[in-house]
PDB file of N, CA and C in Angstrom:
ATOM      1  N   MET A   1      33.673  36.012  46.190  1.00  0.00           N
ATOM      2  CA  MET A   1      33.046  36.022  45.084  1.00  0.00           C
ATOM      3  C   MET A   1      32.872  34.619  44.469  1.00  0.00           C
ATOM      4  N   ASN A   2      33.887  33.570  44.959  1.00  0.00           N
ATOM      5  CA  ASN A   2      33.691  32.064  44.391  1.00  0.00           C
ATOM      6  C   ASN A   2      32.574  31.616  45.006  1.00  0.00           C
ATOM      7  N   ASN A   3      32.242  31.986  46.295  1.00  0.00           N
ATOM      8  CA  ASN A   3      30.913  31.461  46.863  1.00  0.00           C
ATOM      9  C   ASN A   3      29.465  31.762  46.150  1.00  0.00           C
ATOM     10  N   LYS A   4      29.592  33.005  45.545  1.00  0.00           N
ATOM     11  CA  LYS A   4      28.478  33.385  44.902  1.00  0.00           C
ATOM     12  C   LYS A   4      28.273  32.722  43.661  1.00  0.00           C
ATOM     13  N   GLN A   5      29.540  32.387  43.030  1.00  0.00           N
ATOM     14  CA  GLN A   5      29.306  31.764  41.681  1.00  0.00           C
ATOM     15  C   GLN A   5      28.796  30.203  41.927  1.00  0.00           C
ATOM     16  N   GLN A   6      29.260  29.745  42.965  1.00  0.00           N
ATOM     17  CA  GLN A   6      29.005  28.166  43.325  1.00  0.00           C
ATOM     18  C   GLN A   6      27.517  28.190  43.770  1.00  0.00           C
ATOM     19  N   THR A   7      26.878  29.168  44.345  1.00  0.00           N
ATOM     20  CA  THR A   7      25.612  29.198  44.930  1.00  0.00           C
ATOM     21  C   THR A   7      24.490  29.472  43.914  1.00  0.00           C
ATOM     22  N   PRO A   8      23.660  28.802  43.536  1.00  0.00           N
ATOM     23  CA  PRO A   8      22.546  29.232  42.661  1.00  0.00           C
ATOM     24  C   PRO A   8      21.825  30.558  42.859  1.00  0.00           C
ATOM     25  N   GLY A   9      21.701  31.413  42.136  1.00  0.00           N
ATOM     26  CA  GLY A   9      21.021  32.510  42.525  1.00  0.00           C
ATOM     27  C   GLY A   9      19.398  32.526  42.560  1.00  0.00           C
ATOM     28  N   LYS A  10      18.890  33.408  43.150  1.00  0.00           N
ATOM     29  CA  LYS A  10      17.454  33.234  43.221  1.00  0.00           C
ATOM     30  C   LYS A  10      16.796  33.112  41.888  1.00  0.00           C
ATOM     31  N   GLY A  11      17.135  33.650  40.949  1.00  0.00           N
ATOM     32  CA  GLY A  11      16.422  33.508  39.629  1.00  0.00           C
ATOM     33  C   GLY A  11      16.616  32.312  38.944  1.00  0.00           C
ATOM     34  N   GLU A  12      18.050  31.679  39.506  1.00  0.00           N
ATOM     35  CA  GLU A  12      18.105  30.369  38.753  1.00  0.00           C
ATOM     36  C   GLU A  12      17.270  29.248  39.606  1.00  0.00           C
ATOM     37  N   LYS A  13      17.106  29.536  40.840  1.00  0.00           N
ATOM     38  CA  LYS A  13      16.278  28.889  41.606  1.00  0.00           C
ATOM     39  C   LYS A  13      14.841  28.549  41.023  1.00  0.00           C
ATOM     40  N   VAL A  14      14.287  29.896  40.862  1.00  0.00           N
ATOM     41  CA  VAL A  14      12.762  30.087  40.378  1.00  0.00           C
ATOM     42  C   VAL A  14      12.854  29.497  38.911  1.00  0.00           C
ATOM     43  N   ALA A  15      13.922  29.769  38.063  1.00  0.00           N
ATOM     44  CA  ALA A  15      13.794  29.040  36.798  1.00  0.00           C
ATOM     45  C   ALA A  15      13.846  27.455  36.866  1.00  0.00           C
ATOM     46  N   SER A  16      14.632  26.878  37.857  1.00  0.00           N
ATOM     47  CA  SER A  16      14.545  25.460  38.041  1.00  0.00           C
ATOM     48  C   SER A  16      13.270  24.901  38.443  1.00  0.00           C
ATOM     49  N   LYS A  17      12.625  25.626  39.367  1.00  0.00           N
ATOM     50  CA  LYS A  17      11.524  25.035  39.598  1.00  0.00           C
ATOM     51  C   LYS A  17      10.421  25.259  38.852  1.00  0.00           C
ATOM     52  N   LEU A  18      10.422  26.269  37.978  1.00  0.00           N
ATOM     53  CA  LEU A  18       9.756  26.547  36.832  1.00  0.00           C
ATOM     54  C   LEU A  18       9.788  25.040  35.662  1.00  0.00           C
ATOM     55  N   ILE A  19      10.876  25.068  35.445  1.00  0.00           N
ATOM     56  CA  ILE A  19      11.304  23.854  34.658  1.00  0.00           C
ATOM     57  C   ILE A  19      10.619  22.637  35.212  1.00  0.00           C
ATOM     58  N   ASN A  20      10.987  22.252  36.314  1.00  0.00           N
ATOM     59  CA  ASN A  20      10.529  21.087  37.200  1.00  0.00           C
ATOM     60  C   ASN A  20       9.011  20.965  36.973  1.00  0.00           C
ATOM     61  N   LYS A  21       8.327  22.110  37.375  1.00  0.00           N
ATOM     62  CA  LYS A  21       6.762  21.956  37.189  1.00  0.00           C
ATOM     63  C   LYS A  21       6.298  21.832  35.774  1.00  0.00           C
ATOM     64  N   LEU A  22       7.300  22.283  34.981  1.00  0.00           N
ATOM     65  CA  LEU A  22       6.786  22.180  33.387  1.00  0.00           C
ATOM     66  C   LEU A  22       6.707  20.827  32.971  1.00  0.00           C
ATOM     67  N   ALA A  23       7.940  20.344  33.417  1.00  0.00           N
ATOM     68  CA  ALA A  23       8.242  18.805  33.130  1.00  0.00           C
ATOM     69  C   ALA A  23       7.136  17.907  33.753  1.00  0.00           C
ATOM     70  N   LEU A  24       6.761  18.185  35.005  1.00  0.00           N
ATOM     71  CA  LEU A  24       5.675  17.400  35.687  1.00  0.00           C
ATOM     72  C   LEU A  24       4.435  17.674  34.723  1.00  0.00           C
ATOM     73  N   THR A  25       4.168  18.690  34.427  1.00  0.00           N
ATOM     74  CA  THR A  25       2.648  19.021  33.924  1.00  0.00           C
ATOM     75  C   THR A  25       2.899  18.222  32.614  1.00  0.00           C
ATOM     76  N   GLU A  26       3.864  18.169  31.749  1.00  0.00           N
ATOM     77  CA  GLU A  26       4.020  17.513  30.623  1.00  0.00           C
ATOM     78  C   GLU A  26       3.935  15.951  30.788  1.00  0.00           C
ATOM     79  N   LEU A  27       4.375  15.335  31.972  1.00  0.00           N
ATOM     80  CA  LEU A  27       4.136  14.022  32.318  1.00  0.00           C
ATOM     81  C   LEU A  27       2.830  13.741  32.520  1.00  0.00           C
ATOM     82  N   GLU A  28       2.174  14.640  33.399  1.00  0.00           N
ATOM     83  CA  GLU A  28       0.733  14.385  33.723  1.00  0.00           C
ATOM     84  C   GLU A  28      -0.036  14.290  32.357  1.00  0.00           C
ATOM     85  N   LEU A  29       0.115  15.206  31.413  1.00  0.00           N
ATOM     86  CA  LEU A  29      -0.553  15.384  30.276  1.00  0.00           C
ATOM     87  C   LEU A  29      -0.312  13.974  29.407  1.00  0.00           C
ATOM     88  N   ALA A  30       0.823  13.662  29.371  1.00  0.00           N
ATOM     89  CA  ALA A  30       1.175  12.405  28.616  1.00  0.00           C
ATOM     90  C   ALA A  30       0.443  11.104  29.485  1.00  0.00           C
ATOM     91  N   ASN A  31       0.383  11.093  30.666  1.00  0.00           N
ATOM     92  CA  ASN A  31      -0.559  10.187  31.347  1.00  0.00           C
ATOM     93  C   ASN A  31      -1.796  10.071  30.988  1.00  0.00           C
ATOM     94  N   ARG A  32      -2.424  11.276  31.297  1.00  0.00           N
ATOM     95  CA  ARG A  32      -3.768  11.538  30.572  1.00  0.00           C
ATOM     96  C   ARG A  32      -3.951  10.981  29.361  1.00  0.00           C
ATOM     97  N   GLU A  33      -3.266  11.291  28.272  1.00  0.00           N
ATOM     98  CA  GLU A  33      -3.558  10.704  26.940  1.00  0.00           C
ATOM     99  C   GLU A  33      -3.377   9.471  26.766  1.00  0.00           C
ATOM    100  N   VAL A  34      -2.556   8.658  27.705  1.00  0.00           N
ATOM    101  CA  VAL A  34      -2.494   7.180  27.765  1.00  0.00           C
ATOM    102  C   VAL A  34      -3.891   6.506  28.306  1.00  0.00           C
ATOM    103  N   ASP A  35      -4.175   7.319  29.317  1.00  0.00           N
ATOM    104  CA  ASP A  35      -5.348   6.846  30.095  1.00  0.00           C
ATOM    105  C   ASP A  35      -6.728   6.827  28.997  1.00  0.00           C
ATOM    106  N   ILE A  36      -6.768   7.960  28.270  1.00  0.00           N
ATOM    107  CA  ILE A  36      -7.687   8.276  27.411  1.00  0.00           C
ATOM    108  C   ILE A  36      -7.766   7.219  26.286  1.00  0.00           C
ATOM    109  N   ASP A  37      -6.703   7.015  25.876  1.00  0.00           N
ATOM    110  CA  ASP A  37      -6.410   5.943  24.602  1.00  0.00           C
ATOM    111  C   ASP A  37      -6.672   4.539  25.312  1.00  0.00           C
ATOM    112  N   GLU A  38      -6.435   4.190  26.393  1.00  0.00           N
ATOM    113  CA  GLU A  38      -6.760   2.966  26.881  1.00  0.00           C
ATOM    114  C   GLU A  38      -8.422   2.999  27.276  1.00  0.00           C
ATOM    115  N   LEU A  39      -9.009   4.120  27.698  1.00  0.00           N
ATOM    116  CA  LEU A  39     -10.529   4.059  27.698  1.00  0.00           C
ATOM    117  C   LEU A  39     -11.200   3.983  26.399  1.00  0.00           C
ATOM    118  N   ASN A  40     -10.764   4.614  25.540  1.00  0.00           N
ATOM    119  CA  ASN A  40     -11.044   4.610  24.180  1.00  0.00           C
ATOM    120  C   ASN A  40     -11.130   3.091  23.515  1.00  0.00           C
ATOM    121  N   GLU A  41     -10.108   2.536  23.867  1.00  0.00           N
ATOM    122  CA  GLU A  41     -10.080   0.912  23.572  1.00  0.00           C
ATOM    123  C   GLU A  41     -11.024   0.371  24.236  1.00  0.00           C
ATOM    124  N   LYS A  42     -11.187   0.334  25.634  1.00  0.00           N
ATOM    125  CA  LYS A  42     -12.347  -0.363  26.379  1.00  0.00           C
ATOM    126  C   LYS A  42     -13.708  -0.035  25.881  1.00  0.00           C
ATOM    127  N   ILE A  43     -13.710   1.327  25.579  1.00  0.00           N
ATOM    128  CA  ILE A  43     -15.190   1.713  25.095  1.00  0.00           C
ATOM    129  C   ILE A  43     -15.583   0.953  23.588  1.00  0.00           C
ATOM    130  N   GLN A  44     -14.474   1.007  22.688  1.00  0.00           N
ATOM    131  CA  GLN A  44     -14.834   0.255  21.637  1.00  0.00           C
ATOM    132  C   GLN A  44     -15.072  -1.145  21.869  1.00  0.00           C
ATOM    133  N   GLN A  45     -14.277  -1.973  22.845  1.00  0.00           N
ATOM    134  CA  GLN A  45     -14.469  -3.275  22.953  1.00  0.00           C
ATOM    135  C   GLN A  45     -16.027  -3.559  23.561  1.00  0.00           C
ATOM    136  N   LEU A  46     -16.332  -2.688  24.425  1.00  0.00           N
ATOM    137  CA  LEU A  46     -17.802  -2.570  25.155  1.00  0.00           C
ATOM    138  C   LEU A  46     -18.725  -2.330  23.922  1.00  0.00           C
ATOM    139  N   THR A  47     -18.462  -1.426  23.150  1.00  0.00           N
ATOM    140  CA  THR A  47     -19.633  -1.110  22.075  1.00  0.00           C
ATOM    141  C   THR A  47     -19.677  -2.492  21.069  1.00  0.00           C
ATOM    142  N   GLN A  48     -18.725  -3.156  20.831  1.00  0.00           N
ATOM    143  CA  GLN A  48     -18.766  -4.174  19.994  1.00  0.00           C
ATOM    144  C   GLN A  48     -19.628  -5.297  20.786  1.00  0.00           C
ATOM    145  N   ALA A  49     -18.996  -5.741  22.022  1.00  0.00           N
ATOM    146  CA  ALA A  49     -19.819  -6.528  22.601  1.00  0.00           C
ATOM    147  C   ALA A  49     -21.133  -6.480  22.923  1.00  0.00           C
ATOM    148  N   ASN A  50     -21.546  -5.079  23.004  1.00  0.00           N
ATOM    149  CA  ASN A  50     -23.157  -4.720  23.124  1.00  0.00           C
ATOM    150  C   ASN A  50     -23.819  -4.899  21.821  1.00  0.00           C
ATOM    151  N   GLN A  51     -23.098  -4.711  20.645  1.00  0.00           N
ATOM    152  CA  GLN A  51     -23.899  -5.039  19.445  1.00  0.00           C
ATOM    153  C   GLN A  51     -24.147  -6.346  19.158  1.00  0.00           C
ATOM    154  N   GLN A  52     -23.171  -7.356  19.622  1.00  0.00           N
ATOM    155  CA  GLN A  52     -23.438  -8.692  19.568  1.00  0.00           C
ATOM    156  C   GLN A  52     -24.372  -9.177  20.446  1.00  0.00           C
ATOM    157  N   LEU A  53     -24.514  -8.775  21.500  1.00  0.00           N
ATOM    158  CA  LEU A  53     -25.513  -9.081  22.573  1.00  0.00           C
ATOM    159  C   LEU A  53     -26.869  -8.639  22.090  1.00  0.00           C
ATOM    160  N   SER A  54     -26.815  -7.427  21.500  1.00  0.00           N
ATOM    161  CA  SER A  54     -28.111  -6.943  20.969  1.00  0.00           C
ATOM    162  C   SER A  54     -28.700  -7.859  19.807  1.00  0.00           C
ATOM    163  N   ALA A  55     -27.795  -8.176  18.879  1.00  0.00           N
ATOM    164  CA  ALA A  55     -28.045  -9.079  17.792  1.00  0.00           C
ATOM    165  C   ALA A  55     -28.511 -10.557  18.317  1.00  0.00           C
ATOM    166  N   GLU A  56     -27.797 -10.949  19.220  1.00  0.00           N
ATOM    167  CA  GLU A  56     -28.412 -12.112  19.985  1.00  0.00           C
ATOM    168  C   GLU A  56     -29.652 -12.171  20.393  1.00  0.00           C
ATOM    169  N   ASN A  57     -30.039 -10.930  21.192  1.00  0.00           N
ATOM    170  CA  ASN A  57     -31.003 -10.792  21.892  1.00  0.00           C
ATOM    171  C   ASN A  57     -32.327 -10.731  20.837  1.00  0.00           C
ATOM    172  N   GLN A  58     -31.978 -10.004  19.850  1.00  0.00           N
ATOM    173  CA  GLN A  58     -33.022 -10.001  18.639  1.00  0.00           C
ATOM    174  C   GLN A  58     -33.240 -11.255  18.061  1.00  0.00           C
ATOM    175  N   GLN A  59     -32.352 -12.160  18.051  1.00  0.00           N
ATOM    176  CA  GLN A  59     -32.402 -13.436  17.404  1.00  0.00           C
ATOM    177  C   GLN A  59     -33.223 -14.292  18.443  1.00  0.00           C
ATOM    178  N   LEU A  60     -33.026 -14.133  19.663  1.00  0.00           N
ATOM    179  CA  LEU A  60     -33.826 -14.858  20.783  1.00  0.00           C
ATOM    180  C   LEU A  60     -35.255 -14.583  20.629  1.00  0.00           C
ATOM    181  N   LYS A  61     -35.455 -13.004  20.516  1.00  0.00           N
ATOM    182  CA  LYS A  61     -36.821 -12.767  20.581  1.00  0.00           C
ATOM    183  C   LYS A  61     -37.676 -13.064  19.242  1.00  0.00           C
ATOM    184  N   SER A  62     -36.789 -13.202  18.255  1.00  0.00           N
ATOM    185  CA  SER A  62     -37.349 -13.652  16.819  1.00  0.00           C
ATOM    186  C   SER A  62     -37.831 -15.353  16.938  1.00  0.00           C
ATOM    187  N   ASN A  63     -36.951 -15.848  17.785  1.00  0.00           N
ATOM    188  CA  ASN A  63     -37.026 -17.473  17.807  1.00  0.00           C
ATOM    189  C   ASN A  63     -38.364 -17.721  18.750  1.00  0.00           C
ATOM    190  N   GLN A  64     -38.471 -16.864  19.708  1.00  0.00           N
ATOM    191  CA  GLN A  64     -39.566 -16.916  20.738  1.00  0.00           C
ATOM    192  C   GLN A  64     -40.801 -16.577  20.127  1.00  0.00           C
ATOM    193  N   GLU A  65     -41.024 -15.425  19.078  1.00  0.00           N
ATOM    194  CA  GLU A  65     -41.901 -15.178  18.450  1.00  0.00           C
ATOM    195  C   GLU A  65     -42.384 -16.272  17.635  1.00  0.00           C
ATOM    196  N   THR A  66     -41.643 -17.003  16.819  1.00  0.00           N
ATOM    197  CA  THR A  66     -41.757 -18.084  15.894  1.00  0.00           C
ATOM    198  C   THR A  66     -42.296 -19.156  16.511  1.00  0.00           C
ATOM    199  N   LYS A  67     -41.855 -19.476  17.792  1.00  0.00           N
ATOM    200  CA  LYS A  67     -42.391 -20.596  18.567  1.00  0.00           C
ATOM    201  C   LYS A  67     -43.917 -20.394  18.947  1.00  0.00           C
ATOM    202  N   THR A  68     -44.148 -19.265  19.621  1.00  0.00           N
ATOM    203  CA  THR A  68     -45.501 -18.657  20.039  1.00  0.00           C
ATOM    204  C   THR A  68     -46.373 -18.720  18.874  1.00  0.00           C
ATOM    205  N   GLU A  69     -46.042 -18.346  17.604  1.00  0.00           N
ATOM    206  CA  GLU A  69     -47.032 -18.611  16.331  1.00  0.00           C
ATOM    207  C   GLU A  69     -47.097 -19.685  16.241  1.00  0.00           C
ATOM    208  N   GLU A  70     -46.400 -20.901  16.351  1.00  0.00           N
ATOM    209  CA  GLU A  70     -46.571 -22.315  15.961  1.00  0.00           C
ATOM    210  C   GLU A  70     -47.660 -22.925  17.309  1.00  0.00           C
TER     211      GLU A  70
END
């Protein structure tokens, strides 16, 4: 009987596997959230850079049109 108490039962093994799988799934989800946050930050930086370049491009076009008119 002592041997049976020391050896985990089939139910305990299944429960342990499910708990481990759940923990792994939670870690994967947390990882994705971090990745999404990093990507959103990069998107924001690129959007700002794009807006700045668009403004500079517009200014250059305006300057070029002014020179052409002169």
